[in-house]
Amino acid sequence: MPQVEEKQQNNKSGSASTVFASLAALGSVIVASSCCLPLLPFLFAAGAAGTSAFVGKLRPYLLVASVLLIAFAFYKSWRAKQCNCKPSRISTVLLWFSAIMVFLFTFFPQVIANFLADILAGKS
């Protein structure tokens, strides 16, 4: 029985790694999309053009990193279920939210940039 309890305690870290992988994927997709969508434009206006040009070159690598991290998070979630350790509801919701955001930012970056620009400009 001590081995079962030890396995269950070790599997609890699986939920944390799923959350970390989801957040890392979100972070990398946001950085990858910053070439089209400068973050906090009023604070970073002076360096946005240079940063966008630099990050624009890294965009393919960051998108690959995002997809790999999402895949890793889904694997960790699946693996936790195989070990009889149910992932927390928050980690599951965050994982699916991250997957949807990575999909949207990967395939529709300009649509999202235009939508946010309209919101910031006060248009509806």
PDB file of N, CA and C in Angstrom:
ATOM      1  N   MET A   1       0.794  -1.209   0.000  1.00  0.00           N
ATOM      2  CA  MET A   1       0.000   0.000   0.000  1.00  0.00           C
ATOM      3  C   MET A   1       0.837   1.274   0.000  1.00  0.00           C
ATOM      4  N   PRO A   2       2.016   1.282   0.637  1.00  0.00           N
ATOM      5  CA  PRO A   2       2.800   2.514   0.600  1.00  0.00           C
ATOM      6  C   PRO A   2       3.188   2.911  -0.824  1.00  0.00           C
ATOM      7  N   GLN A   3       3.348   1.925  -1.721  1.00  0.00           N
ATOM      8  CA  GLN A   3       3.712   2.254  -3.093  1.00  0.00           C
ATOM      9  C   GLN A   3       2.563   2.968  -3.801  1.00  0.00           C
ATOM     10  N   VAL A   4       1.341   2.564  -3.546  1.00  0.00           N
ATOM     11  CA  VAL A   4       0.173   3.198  -4.159  1.00  0.00           C
ATOM     12  C   VAL A   4       0.057   4.638  -3.678  1.00  0.00           C
ATOM     13  N   GLU A   5       0.217   4.860  -2.372  1.00  0.00           N
ATOM     14  CA  GLU A   5       0.142   6.215  -1.832  1.00  0.00           C
ATOM     15  C   GLU A   5       1.263   7.078  -2.393  1.00  0.00           C
ATOM     16  N   GLU A   6       2.454   6.501  -2.551  1.00  0.00           N
ATOM     17  CA  GLU A   6       3.579   7.259  -3.095  1.00  0.00           C
ATOM     18  C   GLU A   6       3.317   7.632  -4.552  1.00  0.00           C
ATOM     19  N   LYS A   7       2.727   6.719  -5.329  1.00  0.00           N
ATOM     20  CA  LYS A   7       2.400   7.011  -6.726  1.00  0.00           C
ATOM     21  C   LYS A   7       1.357   8.110  -6.814  1.00  0.00           C
ATOM     22  N   GLN A   8       0.355   8.079  -5.938  1.00  0.00           N
ATOM     23  CA  GLN A   8      -0.677   9.109  -5.972  1.00  0.00           C
ATOM     24  C   GLN A   8      -0.093  10.468  -5.608  1.00  0.00           C
ATOM     25  N   GLN A   9       0.842  10.508  -4.672  1.00  0.00           N
ATOM     26  CA  GLN A   9       1.473  11.781  -4.318  1.00  0.00           C
ATOM     27  C   GLN A   9       2.337  12.282  -5.465  1.00  0.00           C
ATOM     28  N   ASN A  10       3.028  11.403  -6.148  1.00  0.00           N
ATOM     29  CA  ASN A  10       3.853  11.804  -7.287  1.00  0.00           C
ATOM     30  C   ASN A  10       2.995  12.274  -8.450  1.00  0.00           C
ATOM     31  N   ASN A  11       1.804  11.720  -8.632  1.00  0.00           N
ATOM     32  CA  ASN A  11       0.934  12.096  -9.733  1.00  0.00           C
ATOM     33  C   ASN A  11       0.276  13.455  -9.521  1.00  0.00           C
ATOM     34  N   LYS A  12       0.219  13.934  -8.293  1.00  0.00           N
ATOM     35  CA  LYS A  12      -0.364  15.253  -8.050  1.00  0.00           C
ATOM     36  C   LYS A  12       0.459  16.339  -8.731  1.00  0.00           C
ATOM     37  N   SER A  13       1.754  16.125  -8.923  1.00  0.00           N
ATOM     38  CA  SER A  13       2.579  17.100  -9.616  1.00  0.00           C
ATOM     39  C   SER A  13       2.253  17.124 -11.101  1.00  0.00           C
ATOM     40  N   GLY A  14       1.589  16.079 -11.626  1.00  0.00           N
ATOM     41  CA  GLY A  14       1.187  16.058 -13.026  1.00  0.00           C
ATOM     42  C   GLY A  14       0.225  17.184 -13.340  1.00  0.00           C
ATOM     43  N   SER A  15      -0.663  17.498 -12.418  1.00  0.00           N
ATOM     44  CA  SER A  15      -1.598  18.587 -12.623  1.00  0.00           C
ATOM     45  C   SER A  15      -0.863  19.923 -12.695  1.00  0.00           C
ATOM     46  N   ALA A  16       0.141  20.089 -11.861  1.00  0.00           N
ATOM     47  CA  ALA A  16       0.921  21.331 -11.885  1.00  0.00           C
ATOM     48  C   ALA A  16       1.700  21.453 -13.188  1.00  0.00           C
ATOM     49  N   SER A  17       2.235  20.354 -13.685  1.00  0.00           N
ATOM     50  CA  SER A  17       2.991  20.437 -14.933  1.00  0.00           C
ATOM     51  C   SER A  17       2.058  20.680 -16.111  1.00  0.00           C
ATOM     52  N   THR A  18       0.824  20.210 -16.040  1.00  0.00           N
ATOM     53  CA  THR A  18      -0.155  20.499 -17.089  1.00  0.00           C
ATOM     54  C   THR A  18      -0.483  21.984 -17.100  1.00  0.00           C
ATOM     55  N   VAL A  19      -0.668  22.560 -15.931  1.00  0.00           N
ATOM     56  CA  VAL A  19      -0.934  23.997 -15.836  1.00  0.00           C
ATOM     57  C   VAL A  19       0.267  24.786 -16.353  1.00  0.00           C
ATOM     58  N   PHE A  20       1.473  24.380 -15.976  1.00  0.00           N
ATOM     59  CA  PHE A  20       2.676  25.082 -16.436  1.00  0.00           C
ATOM     60  C   PHE A  20       2.807  24.996 -17.950  1.00  0.00           C
ATOM     61  N   ALA A  21       2.585  23.833 -18.525  1.00  0.00           N
ATOM     62  CA  ALA A  21       2.700  23.686 -19.974  1.00  0.00           C
ATOM     63  C   ALA A  21       1.640  24.517 -20.691  1.00  0.00           C
ATOM     64  N   SER A  22       0.427  24.573 -20.136  1.00  0.00           N
ATOM     65  CA  SER A  22      -0.628  25.393 -20.734  1.00  0.00           C
ATOM     66  C   SER A  22      -0.272  26.873 -20.691  1.00  0.00           C
ATOM     67  N   LEU A  23       0.205  27.335 -19.547  1.00  0.00           N
ATOM     68  CA  LEU A  23       0.588  28.749 -19.428  1.00  0.00           C
ATOM     69  C   LEU A  23       1.786  29.076 -20.314  1.00  0.00           C
ATOM     70  N   ALA A  24       2.728  28.157 -20.416  1.00  0.00           N
ATOM     71  CA  ALA A  24       3.890  28.386 -21.281  1.00  0.00           C
ATOM     72  C   ALA A  24       3.461  28.467 -22.736  1.00  0.00           C
ATOM     73  N   ALA A  25       2.524  27.634 -23.137  1.00  0.00           N
ATOM     74  CA  ALA A  25       2.017  27.685 -24.504  1.00  0.00           C
ATOM     75  C   ALA A  25       1.310  29.005 -24.774  1.00  0.00           C
ATOM     76  N   LEU A  26       0.500  29.459 -23.815  1.00  0.00           N
ATOM     77  CA  LEU A  26      -0.161  30.759 -23.977  1.00  0.00           C
ATOM     78  C   LEU A  26       0.854  31.881 -24.089  1.00  0.00           C
ATOM     79  N   GLY A  27       1.862  31.840 -23.234  1.00  0.00           N
ATOM     80  CA  GLY A  27       2.891  32.876 -23.278  1.00  0.00           C
ATOM     81  C   GLY A  27       3.634  32.902 -24.598  1.00  0.00           C
ATOM     82  N   SER A  28       3.993  31.743 -25.106  1.00  0.00           N
ATOM     83  CA  SER A  28       4.743  31.714 -26.348  1.00  0.00           C
ATOM     84  C   SER A  28       3.887  32.124 -27.538  1.00  0.00           C
ATOM     85  N   VAL A  29       2.593  31.795 -27.535  1.00  0.00           N
ATOM     86  CA  VAL A  29       1.747  32.209 -28.647  1.00  0.00           C
ATOM     87  C   VAL A  29       1.483  33.717 -28.591  1.00  0.00           C
ATOM     88  N   ILE A  30       1.400  34.280 -27.410  1.00  0.00           N
ATOM     89  CA  ILE A  30       1.223  35.730 -27.301  1.00  0.00           C
ATOM     90  C   ILE A  30       2.475  36.454 -27.783  1.00  0.00           C
ATOM     91  N   VAL A  31       3.633  35.949 -27.405  1.00  0.00           N
ATOM     92  CA  VAL A  31       4.878  36.544 -27.887  1.00  0.00           C
ATOM     93  C   VAL A  31       4.995  36.369 -29.396  1.00  0.00           C
ATOM     94  N   ALA A  32       4.601  35.203 -29.909  1.00  0.00           N
ATOM     95  CA  ALA A  32       4.664  34.958 -31.349  1.00  0.00           C
ATOM     96  C   ALA A  32       3.732  35.900 -32.108  1.00  0.00           C
ATOM     97  N   SER A  33       2.610  36.253 -31.511  1.00  0.00           N
ATOM     98  CA  SER A  33       1.657  37.126 -32.177  1.00  0.00           C
ATOM     99  C   SER A  33       1.941  38.603 -31.949  1.00  0.00           C
ATOM    100  N   SER A  34       2.939  38.920 -31.177  1.00  0.00           N
ATOM    101  CA  SER A  34       3.210  40.328 -30.895  1.00  0.00           C
ATOM    102  C   SER A  34       3.721  41.076 -32.119  1.00  0.00           C
ATOM    103  N   CYS A  35       4.090  40.361 -33.181  1.00  0.00           N
ATOM    104  CA  CYS A  35       4.461  41.067 -34.408  1.00  0.00           C
ATOM    105  C   CYS A  35       3.234  41.722 -35.027  1.00  0.00           C
ATOM    106  N   CYS A  36       2.063  41.139 -34.829  1.00  0.00           N
ATOM    107  CA  CYS A  36       0.820  41.707 -35.356  1.00  0.00           C
ATOM    108  C   CYS A  36       0.065  42.491 -34.302  1.00  0.00           C
ATOM    109  N   LEU A  37       0.343  42.215 -33.047  1.00  0.00           N
ATOM    110  CA  LEU A  37      -0.425  42.785 -31.945  1.00  0.00           C
ATOM    111  C   LEU A  37       0.530  43.243 -30.849  1.00  0.00           C
ATOM    112  N   PRO A  38       1.046  44.496 -30.945  1.00  0.00           N
ATOM    113  CA  PRO A  38       1.946  44.963 -29.884  1.00  0.00           C
ATOM    114  C   PRO A  38       1.213  45.026 -28.544  1.00  0.00           C
ATOM    115  N   LEU A  39       1.796  44.454 -27.536  1.00  0.00           N
ATOM    116  CA  LEU A  39       1.178  44.439 -26.214  1.00  0.00           C
ATOM    117  C   LEU A  39       1.392  45.781 -25.531  1.00  0.00           C
ATOM    118  N   LEU A  40       0.339  46.284 -24.932  1.00  0.00           N
ATOM    119  CA  LEU A  40       0.358  47.565 -24.225  1.00  0.00           C
ATOM    120  C   LEU A  40       1.022  48.652 -25.084  1.00  0.00           C
ATOM    121  N   PRO A  41       0.405  49.007 -26.202  1.00  0.00           N
ATOM    122  CA  PRO A  41       1.041  49.892 -27.180  1.00  0.00           C
ATOM    123  C   PRO A  41       1.444  51.258 -26.630  1.00  0.00           C
ATOM    124  N   PHE A  42       0.724  51.760 -25.629  1.00  0.00           N
ATOM    125  CA  PHE A  42       1.068  53.075 -25.112  1.00  0.00           C
ATOM    126  C   PHE A  42       2.342  53.042 -24.290  1.00  0.00           C
ATOM    127  N   LEU A  43       2.625  51.924 -23.638  1.00  0.00           N
ATOM    128  CA  LEU A  43       3.836  51.814 -22.833  1.00  0.00           C
ATOM    129  C   LEU A  43       5.047  51.412 -23.648  1.00  0.00           C
ATOM    130  N   PHE A  44       4.831  50.632 -24.690  1.00  0.00           N
ATOM    131  CA  PHE A  44       5.942  50.099 -25.474  1.00  0.00           C
ATOM    132  C   PHE A  44       5.995  50.681 -26.884  1.00  0.00           C
ATOM    133  N   ALA A  45       5.430  51.847 -27.109  1.00  0.00           N
ATOM    134  CA  ALA A  45       5.341  52.414 -28.453  1.00  0.00           C
ATOM    135  C   ALA A  45       6.713  52.651 -29.075  1.00  0.00           C
ATOM    136  N   ALA A  46       7.660  53.101 -28.291  1.00  0.00           N
ATOM    137  CA  ALA A  46       8.980  53.414 -28.849  1.00  0.00           C
ATOM    138  C   ALA A  46       9.701  52.173 -29.370  1.00  0.00           C
ATOM    139  N   GLY A  47       9.597  51.063 -28.666  1.00  0.00           N
ATOM    140  CA  GLY A  47      10.330  49.871 -29.077  1.00  0.00           C
ATOM    141  C   GLY A  47       9.498  48.827 -29.796  1.00  0.00           C
ATOM    142  N   ALA A  48       8.236  49.135 -30.098  1.00  0.00           N
ATOM    143  CA  ALA A  48       7.349  48.136 -30.686  1.00  0.00           C
ATOM    144  C   ALA A  48       7.800  47.706 -32.075  1.00  0.00           C
ATOM    145  N   ALA A  49       8.259  48.651 -32.872  1.00  0.00           N
ATOM    146  CA  ALA A  49       8.650  48.306 -34.245  1.00  0.00           C
ATOM    147  C   ALA A  49       9.870  47.384 -34.241  1.00  0.00           C
ATOM    148  N   GLY A  50      10.858  47.711 -33.435  1.00  0.00           N
ATOM    149  CA  GLY A  50      12.051  46.864 -33.359  1.00  0.00           C
ATOM    150  C   GLY A  50      11.743  45.507 -32.755  1.00  0.00           C
ATOM    151  N   THR A  51      10.927  45.503 -31.715  1.00  0.00           N
ATOM    152  CA  THR A  51      10.544  44.242 -31.070  1.00  0.00           C
ATOM    153  C   THR A  51       9.721  43.395 -32.025  1.00  0.00           C
ATOM    154  N   SER A  52       8.800  44.012 -32.739  1.00  0.00           N
ATOM    155  CA  SER A  52       7.967  43.267 -33.683  1.00  0.00           C
ATOM    156  C   SER A  52       8.809  42.651 -34.788  1.00  0.00           C
ATOM    157  N   ALA A  53       9.798  43.394 -35.276  1.00  0.00           N
ATOM    158  CA  ALA A  53      10.668  42.854 -36.319  1.00  0.00           C
ATOM    159  C   ALA A  53      11.482  41.675 -35.788  1.00  0.00           C
ATOM    160  N   PHE A  54      11.974  41.796 -34.569  1.00  0.00           N
ATOM    161  CA  PHE A  54      12.764  40.712 -33.971  1.00  0.00           C
ATOM    162  C   PHE A  54      11.903  39.486 -33.693  1.00  0.00           C
ATOM    163  N   VAL A  55      10.748  39.703 -33.075  1.00  0.00           N
ATOM    164  CA  VAL A  55       9.870  38.599 -32.718  1.00  0.00           C
ATOM    165  C   VAL A  55       9.232  38.000 -33.970  1.00  0.00           C
ATOM    166  N   GLY A  56       9.033  38.818 -34.994  1.00  0.00           N
ATOM    167  CA  GLY A  56       8.491  38.317 -36.253  1.00  0.00           C
ATOM    168  C   GLY A  56       9.378  37.246 -36.862  1.00  0.00           C
ATOM    169  N   LYS A  57      10.681  37.392 -36.702  1.00  0.00           N
ATOM    170  CA  LYS A  57      11.621  36.381 -37.204  1.00  0.00           C
ATOM    171  C   LYS A  57      11.523  35.093 -36.387  1.00  0.00           C
ATOM    172  N   LEU A  58      11.201  35.221 -35.116  1.00  0.00           N
ATOM    173  CA  LEU A  58      11.102  34.055 -34.233  1.00  0.00           C
ATOM    174  C   LEU A  58       9.721  33.406 -34.249  1.00  0.00           C
ATOM    175  N   ARG A  59       8.753  34.033 -34.910  1.00  0.00           N
ATOM    176  CA  ARG A  59       7.365  33.562 -34.862  1.00  0.00           C
ATOM    177  C   ARG A  59       7.206  32.081 -35.206  1.00  0.00           C
ATOM    178  N   PRO A  60       7.811  31.582 -36.286  1.00  0.00           N
ATOM    179  CA  PRO A  60       7.619  30.147 -36.587  1.00  0.00           C
ATOM    180  C   PRO A  60       8.114  29.239 -35.460  1.00  0.00           C
ATOM    181  N   TYR A  61       9.238  29.589 -34.865  1.00  0.00           N
ATOM    182  CA  TYR A  61       9.780  28.765 -33.777  1.00  0.00           C
ATOM    183  C   TYR A  61       8.896  28.841 -32.533  1.00  0.00           C
ATOM    184  N   LEU A  62       8.382  30.031 -32.249  1.00  0.00           N
ATOM    185  CA  LEU A  62       7.510  30.190 -31.088  1.00  0.00           C
ATOM    186  C   LEU A  62       6.173  29.471 -31.277  1.00  0.00           C
ATOM    187  N   LEU A  63       5.669  29.474 -32.509  1.00  0.00           N
ATOM    188  CA  LEU A  63       4.430  28.743 -32.771  1.00  0.00           C
ATOM    189  C   LEU A  63       4.641  27.240 -32.617  1.00  0.00           C
ATOM    190  N   VAL A  64       5.780  26.742 -33.108  1.00  0.00           N
ATOM    191  CA  VAL A  64       6.092  25.321 -32.929  1.00  0.00           C
ATOM    192  C   VAL A  64       6.213  24.999 -31.440  1.00  0.00           C
ATOM    193  N   ALA A  65       6.871  25.892 -30.693  1.00  0.00           N
ATOM    194  CA  ALA A  65       6.995  25.683 -29.244  1.00  0.00           C
ATOM    195  C   ALA A  65       5.617  25.664 -28.587  1.00  0.00           C
ATOM    196  N   SER A  66       4.715  26.531 -29.022  1.00  0.00           N
ATOM    197  CA  SER A  66       3.354  26.558 -28.464  1.00  0.00           C
ATOM    198  C   SER A  66       2.627  25.255 -28.723  1.00  0.00           C
ATOM    199  N   VAL A  67       2.685  24.775 -29.951  1.00  0.00           N
ATOM    200  CA  VAL A  67       1.995  23.533 -30.301  1.00  0.00           C
ATOM    201  C   VAL A  67       2.597  22.358 -29.533  1.00  0.00           C
ATOM    202  N   LEU A  68       3.925  22.314 -29.439  1.00  0.00           N
ATOM    203  CA  LEU A  68       4.572  21.228 -28.698  1.00  0.00           C
ATOM    204  C   LEU A  68       4.207  21.267 -27.215  1.00  0.00           C
ATOM    205  N   LEU A  69       4.152  22.464 -26.643  1.00  0.00           N
ATOM    206  CA  LEU A  69       3.787  22.581 -25.230  1.00  0.00           C
ATOM    207  C   LEU A  69       2.331  22.184 -24.985  1.00  0.00           C
ATOM    208  N   ILE A  70       1.444  22.535 -25.905  1.00  0.00           N
ATOM    209  CA  ILE A  70       0.048  22.112 -25.774  1.00  0.00           C
ATOM    210  C   ILE A  70      -0.041  20.593 -25.890  1.00  0.00           C
ATOM    211  N   ALA A  71       0.678  20.026 -26.845  1.00  0.00           N
ATOM    212  CA  ALA A  71       0.680  18.567 -26.989  1.00  0.00           C
ATOM    213  C   ALA A  71       1.221  17.897 -25.725  1.00  0.00           C
ATOM    214  N   PHE A  72       2.283  18.471 -25.155  1.00  0.00           N
ATOM    215  CA  PHE A  72       2.856  17.933 -23.923  1.00  0.00           C
ATOM    216  C   PHE A  72       1.852  18.023 -22.773  1.00  0.00           C
ATOM    217  N   ALA A  73       1.118  19.130 -22.703  1.00  0.00           N
ATOM    218  CA  ALA A  73       0.115  19.292 -21.643  1.00  0.00           C
ATOM    219  C   ALA A  73      -1.013  18.274 -21.792  1.00  0.00           C
ATOM    220  N   PHE A  74      -1.456  18.037 -23.038  1.00  0.00           N
ATOM    221  CA  PHE A  74      -2.479  17.014 -23.250  1.00  0.00           C
ATOM    222  C   PHE A  74      -1.942  15.633 -22.891  1.00  0.00           C
ATOM    223  N   TYR A  75      -0.688  15.371 -23.216  1.00  0.00           N
ATOM    224  CA  TYR A  75      -0.083  14.086 -22.848  1.00  0.00           C
ATOM    225  C   TYR A  75      -0.048  13.926 -21.328  1.00  0.00           C
ATOM    226  N   LYS A  76       0.394  14.981 -20.626  1.00  0.00           N
ATOM    227  CA  LYS A  76       0.450  14.907 -19.164  1.00  0.00           C
ATOM    228  C   LYS A  76      -0.943  14.699 -18.571  1.00  0.00           C
ATOM    229  N   SER A  77      -1.937  15.339 -19.136  1.00  0.00           N
ATOM    230  CA  SER A  77      -3.307  15.166 -18.657  1.00  0.00           C
ATOM    231  C   SER A  77      -3.781  13.732 -18.912  1.00  0.00           C
ATOM    232  N   TRP A  78      -3.515  13.214 -20.105  1.00  0.00           N
ATOM    233  CA  TRP A  78      -3.885  11.835 -20.428  1.00  0.00           C
ATOM    234  C   TRP A  78      -3.145  10.852 -19.533  1.00  0.00           C
ATOM    235  N   ARG A  79      -1.865  11.131 -19.301  1.00  0.00           N
ATOM    236  CA  ARG A  79      -1.046  10.245 -18.475  1.00  0.00           C
ATOM    237  C   ARG A  79      -1.550  10.232 -17.026  1.00  0.00           C
ATOM    238  N   ALA A  80      -1.973  11.384 -16.543  1.00  0.00           N
ATOM    239  CA  ALA A  80      -2.506  11.456 -15.177  1.00  0.00           C
ATOM    240  C   ALA A  80      -3.766  10.600 -15.053  1.00  0.00           C
ATOM    241  N   LYS A  81      -4.607  10.612 -16.087  1.00  0.00           N
ATOM    242  CA  LYS A  81      -5.820   9.789 -16.061  1.00  0.00           C
ATOM    243  C   LYS A  81      -5.461   8.305 -16.079  1.00  0.00           C
ATOM    244  N   GLN A  82      -4.405   7.942 -16.783  1.00  0.00           N
ATOM    245  CA  GLN A  82      -3.975   6.544 -16.840  1.00  0.00           C
ATOM    246  C   GLN A  82      -3.472   6.059 -15.487  1.00  0.00           C
ATOM    247  N   CYS A  83      -2.954   6.966 -14.685  1.00  0.00           N
ATOM    248  CA  CYS A  83      -2.418   6.616 -13.365  1.00  0.00           C
ATOM    249  C   CYS A  83      -3.455   6.801 -12.259  1.00  0.00           C
ATOM    250  N   ASN A  84      -4.725   6.859 -12.634  1.00  0.00           N
ATOM    251  CA  ASN A  84      -5.819   7.026 -11.666  1.00  0.00           C
ATOM    252  C   ASN A  84      -5.690   8.305 -10.847  1.00  0.00           C
ATOM    253  N   CYS A  85      -5.204   9.341 -11.456  1.00  0.00           N
ATOM    254  CA  CYS A  85      -5.102  10.643 -10.804  1.00  0.00           C
ATOM    255  C   CYS A  85      -5.845  11.640 -11.689  1.00  0.00           C
ATOM    256  N   LYS A  86      -7.028  12.021 -11.282  1.00  0.00           N
ATOM    257  CA  LYS A  86      -7.849  12.916 -12.085  1.00  0.00           C
ATOM    258  C   LYS A  86      -7.285  14.339 -12.015  1.00  0.00           C
ATOM    259  N   PRO A  87      -7.024  14.951 -13.185  1.00  0.00           N
ATOM    260  CA  PRO A  87      -6.547  16.350 -13.173  1.00  0.00           C
ATOM    261  C   PRO A  87      -7.617  17.278 -12.593  1.00  0.00           C
ATOM    262  N   SER A  88      -7.175  18.356 -12.005  1.00  0.00           N
ATOM    263  CA  SER A  88      -8.130  19.304 -11.433  1.00  0.00           C
ATOM    264  C   SER A  88      -8.945  19.961 -12.536  1.00  0.00           C
ATOM    265  N   ARG A  89     -10.105  20.447 -12.168  1.00  0.00           N
ATOM    266  CA  ARG A  89     -10.986  21.105 -13.140  1.00  0.00           C
ATOM    267  C   ARG A  89     -10.315  22.361 -13.704  1.00  0.00           C
ATOM    268  N   ILE A  90      -9.586  23.079 -12.865  1.00  0.00           N
ATOM    269  CA  ILE A  90      -8.920  24.301 -13.324  1.00  0.00           C
ATOM    270  C   ILE A  90      -7.858  23.972 -14.368  1.00  0.00           C
ATOM    271  N   SER A  91      -7.079  22.918 -14.136  1.00  0.00           N
ATOM    272  CA  SER A  91      -6.047  22.569 -15.109  1.00  0.00           C
ATOM    273  C   SER A  91      -6.667  22.113 -16.423  1.00  0.00           C
ATOM    274  N   THR A  92      -7.804  21.423 -16.369  1.00  0.00           N
ATOM    275  CA  THR A  92      -8.473  20.989 -17.590  1.00  0.00           C
ATOM    276  C   THR A  92      -9.035  22.182 -18.360  1.00  0.00           C
ATOM    277  N   VAL A  93      -9.682  23.096 -17.661  1.00  0.00           N
ATOM    278  CA  VAL A  93     -10.227  24.293 -18.313  1.00  0.00           C
ATOM    279  C   VAL A  93      -9.093  25.137 -18.894  1.00  0.00           C
ATOM    280  N   LEU A  94      -8.032  25.307 -18.146  1.00  0.00           N
ATOM    281  CA  LEU A  94      -6.898  26.092 -18.627  1.00  0.00           C
ATOM    282  C   LEU A  94      -6.245  25.429 -19.834  1.00  0.00           C
ATOM    283  N   LEU A  95      -6.157  24.122 -19.829  1.00  0.00           N
ATOM    284  CA  LEU A  95      -5.571  23.406 -20.961  1.00  0.00           C
ATOM    285  C   LEU A  95      -6.398  23.624 -22.227  1.00  0.00           C
ATOM    286  N   TRP A  96      -7.707  23.468 -22.123  1.00  0.00           N
ATOM    287  CA  TRP A  96      -8.555  23.655 -23.303  1.00  0.00           C
ATOM    288  C   TRP A  96      -8.587  25.120 -23.747  1.00  0.00           C
ATOM    289  N   PHE A  97      -8.604  26.047 -22.791  1.00  0.00           N
ATOM    290  CA  PHE A  97      -8.544  27.469 -23.141  1.00  0.00           C
ATOM    291  C   PHE A  97      -7.242  27.774 -23.867  1.00  0.00           C
ATOM    292  N   SER A  98      -6.135  27.225 -23.364  1.00  0.00           N
ATOM    293  CA  SER A  98      -4.838  27.438 -24.009  1.00  0.00           C
ATOM    294  C   SER A  98      -4.817  26.858 -25.411  1.00  0.00           C
ATOM    295  N   ALA A  99      -5.377  25.668 -25.577  1.00  0.00           N
ATOM    296  CA  ALA A  99      -5.404  25.035 -26.897  1.00  0.00           C
ATOM    297  C   ALA A  99      -6.213  25.878 -27.888  1.00  0.00           C
ATOM    298  N   ILE A 100      -7.352  26.398 -27.438  1.00  0.00           N
ATOM    299  CA  ILE A 100      -8.178  27.232 -28.316  1.00  0.00           C
ATOM    300  C   ILE A 100      -7.456  28.529 -28.660  1.00  0.00           C
ATOM    301  N   MET A 101      -6.827  29.145 -27.666  1.00  0.00           N
ATOM    302  CA  MET A 101      -6.102  30.398 -27.930  1.00  0.00           C
ATOM    303  C   MET A 101      -4.920  30.176 -28.873  1.00  0.00           C
ATOM    304  N   VAL A 102      -4.186  29.093 -28.687  1.00  0.00           N
ATOM    305  CA  VAL A 102      -3.071  28.797 -29.593  1.00  0.00           C
ATOM    306  C   VAL A 102      -3.602  28.597 -31.009  1.00  0.00           C
ATOM    307  N   PHE A 103      -4.715  27.892 -31.148  1.00  0.00           N
ATOM    308  CA  PHE A 103      -5.315  27.693 -32.471  1.00  0.00           C
ATOM    309  C   PHE A 103      -5.698  29.036 -33.096  1.00  0.00           C
ATOM    310  N   LEU A 104      -6.403  29.869 -32.335  1.00  0.00           N
ATOM    311  CA  LEU A 104      -6.851  31.156 -32.877  1.00  0.00           C
ATOM    312  C   LEU A 104      -5.678  32.066 -33.235  1.00  0.00           C
ATOM    313  N   PHE A 105      -4.689  32.166 -32.346  1.00  0.00           N
ATOM    314  CA  PHE A 105      -3.559  33.044 -32.613  1.00  0.00           C
ATOM    315  C   PHE A 105      -2.679  32.502 -33.738  1.00  0.00           C
ATOM    316  N   THR A 106      -2.698  31.203 -33.949  1.00  0.00           N
ATOM    317  CA  THR A 106      -1.893  30.619 -35.023  1.00  0.00           C
ATOM    318  C   THR A 106      -2.537  30.838 -36.387  1.00  0.00           C
ATOM    319  N   PHE A 107      -3.834  30.591 -36.477  1.00  0.00           N
ATOM    320  CA  PHE A 107      -4.493  30.637 -37.780  1.00  0.00           C
ATOM    321  C   PHE A 107      -5.196  31.960 -38.090  1.00  0.00           C
ATOM    322  N   PHE A 108      -5.476  32.772 -37.093  1.00  0.00           N
ATOM    323  CA  PHE A 108      -6.176  34.036 -37.320  1.00  0.00           C
ATOM    324  C   PHE A 108      -5.516  35.208 -36.594  1.00  0.00           C
ATOM    325  N   PRO A 109      -4.215  35.432 -36.748  1.00  0.00           N
ATOM    326  CA  PRO A 109      -3.570  36.508 -35.977  1.00  0.00           C
ATOM    327  C   PRO A 109      -4.046  37.904 -36.380  1.00  0.00           C
ATOM    328  N   GLN A 110      -4.277  38.123 -37.672  1.00  0.00           N
ATOM    329  CA  GLN A 110      -4.678  39.451 -38.112  1.00  0.00           C
ATOM    330  C   GLN A 110      -6.106  39.757 -37.708  1.00  0.00           C
ATOM    331  N   VAL A 111      -6.975  38.769 -37.714  1.00  0.00           N
ATOM    332  CA  VAL A 111      -8.368  38.974 -37.280  1.00  0.00           C
ATOM    333  C   VAL A 111      -8.392  39.381 -35.808  1.00  0.00           C
ATOM    334  N   ILE A 112      -7.592  38.713 -34.991  1.00  0.00           N
ATOM    335  CA  ILE A 112      -7.531  39.041 -33.564  1.00  0.00           C
ATOM    336  C   ILE A 112      -6.928  40.428 -33.372  1.00  0.00           C
ATOM    337  N   ALA A 113      -5.884  40.754 -34.143  1.00  0.00           N
ATOM    338  CA  ALA A 113      -5.264  42.081 -34.043  1.00  0.00           C
ATOM    339  C   ALA A 113      -6.264  43.174 -34.419  1.00  0.00           C
ATOM    340  N   ASN A 114      -7.025  42.967 -35.488  1.00  0.00           N
ATOM    341  CA  ASN A 114      -8.031  43.954 -35.890  1.00  0.00           C
ATOM    342  C   ASN A 114      -9.135  44.090 -34.845  1.00  0.00           C
ATOM    343  N   PHE A 115      -9.568  42.974 -34.292  1.00  0.00           N
ATOM    344  CA  PHE A 115     -10.609  42.999 -33.263  1.00  0.00           C
ATOM    345  C   PHE A 115     -10.147  43.785 -32.036  1.00  0.00           C
ATOM    346  N   LEU A 116      -8.925  43.515 -31.570  1.00  0.00           N
ATOM    347  CA  LEU A 116      -8.417  44.224 -30.408  1.00  0.00           C
ATOM    348  C   LEU A 116      -8.131  45.694 -30.715  1.00  0.00           C
ATOM    349  N   ALA A 117      -7.700  45.994 -31.928  1.00  0.00           N
ATOM    350  CA  ALA A 117      -7.486  47.392 -32.303  1.00  0.00           C
ATOM    351  C   ALA A 117      -8.813  48.161 -32.288  1.00  0.00           C
ATOM    352  N   ASP A 118      -9.877  47.517 -32.772  1.00  0.00           N
ATOM    353  CA  ASP A 118     -11.195  48.155 -32.723  1.00  0.00           C
ATOM    354  C   ASP A 118     -11.651  48.390 -31.298  1.00  0.00           C
ATOM    355  N   ILE A 119     -11.402  47.430 -30.421  1.00  0.00           N
ATOM    356  CA  ILE A 119     -11.788  47.581 -29.025  1.00  0.00           C
ATOM    357  C   ILE A 119     -11.002  48.729 -28.382  1.00  0.00           C
ATOM    358  N   LEU A 120      -9.694  48.788 -28.641  1.00  0.00           N
ATOM    359  CA  LEU A 120      -8.871  49.842 -28.059  1.00  0.00           C
ATOM    360  C   LEU A 120      -9.211  51.215 -28.632  1.00  0.00           C
ATOM    361  N   ALA A 121      -9.667  51.255 -29.884  1.00  0.00           N
ATOM    362  CA  ALA A 121     -10.034  52.529 -30.505  1.00  0.00           C
ATOM    363  C   ALA A 121     -11.434  52.977 -30.087  1.00  0.00           C
ATOM    364  N   GLY A 122     -12.176  52.129 -29.422  1.00  0.00           N
ATOM    365  CA  GLY A 122     -13.518  52.493 -28.971  1.00  0.00           C
ATOM    366  C   GLY A 122     -14.609  52.154 -29.949  1.00  0.00           C
ATOM    367  N   LYS A 123     -14.265  51.459 -31.026  1.00  0.00           N
ATOM    368  CA  LYS A 123     -15.298  51.025 -31.962  1.00  0.00           C
ATOM    369  C   LYS A 123     -15.923  49.761 -31.450  1.00  0.00           C
ATOM    370  N   SER A 124     -17.148  49.475 -31.891  1.00  0.00           N
ATOM    371  CA  SER A 124     -17.776  48.229 -31.437  1.00  0.00           C
ATOM    372  C   SER A 124     -18.090  47.301 -32.567  1.00  0.00           C
TER     373      SER A 124
END
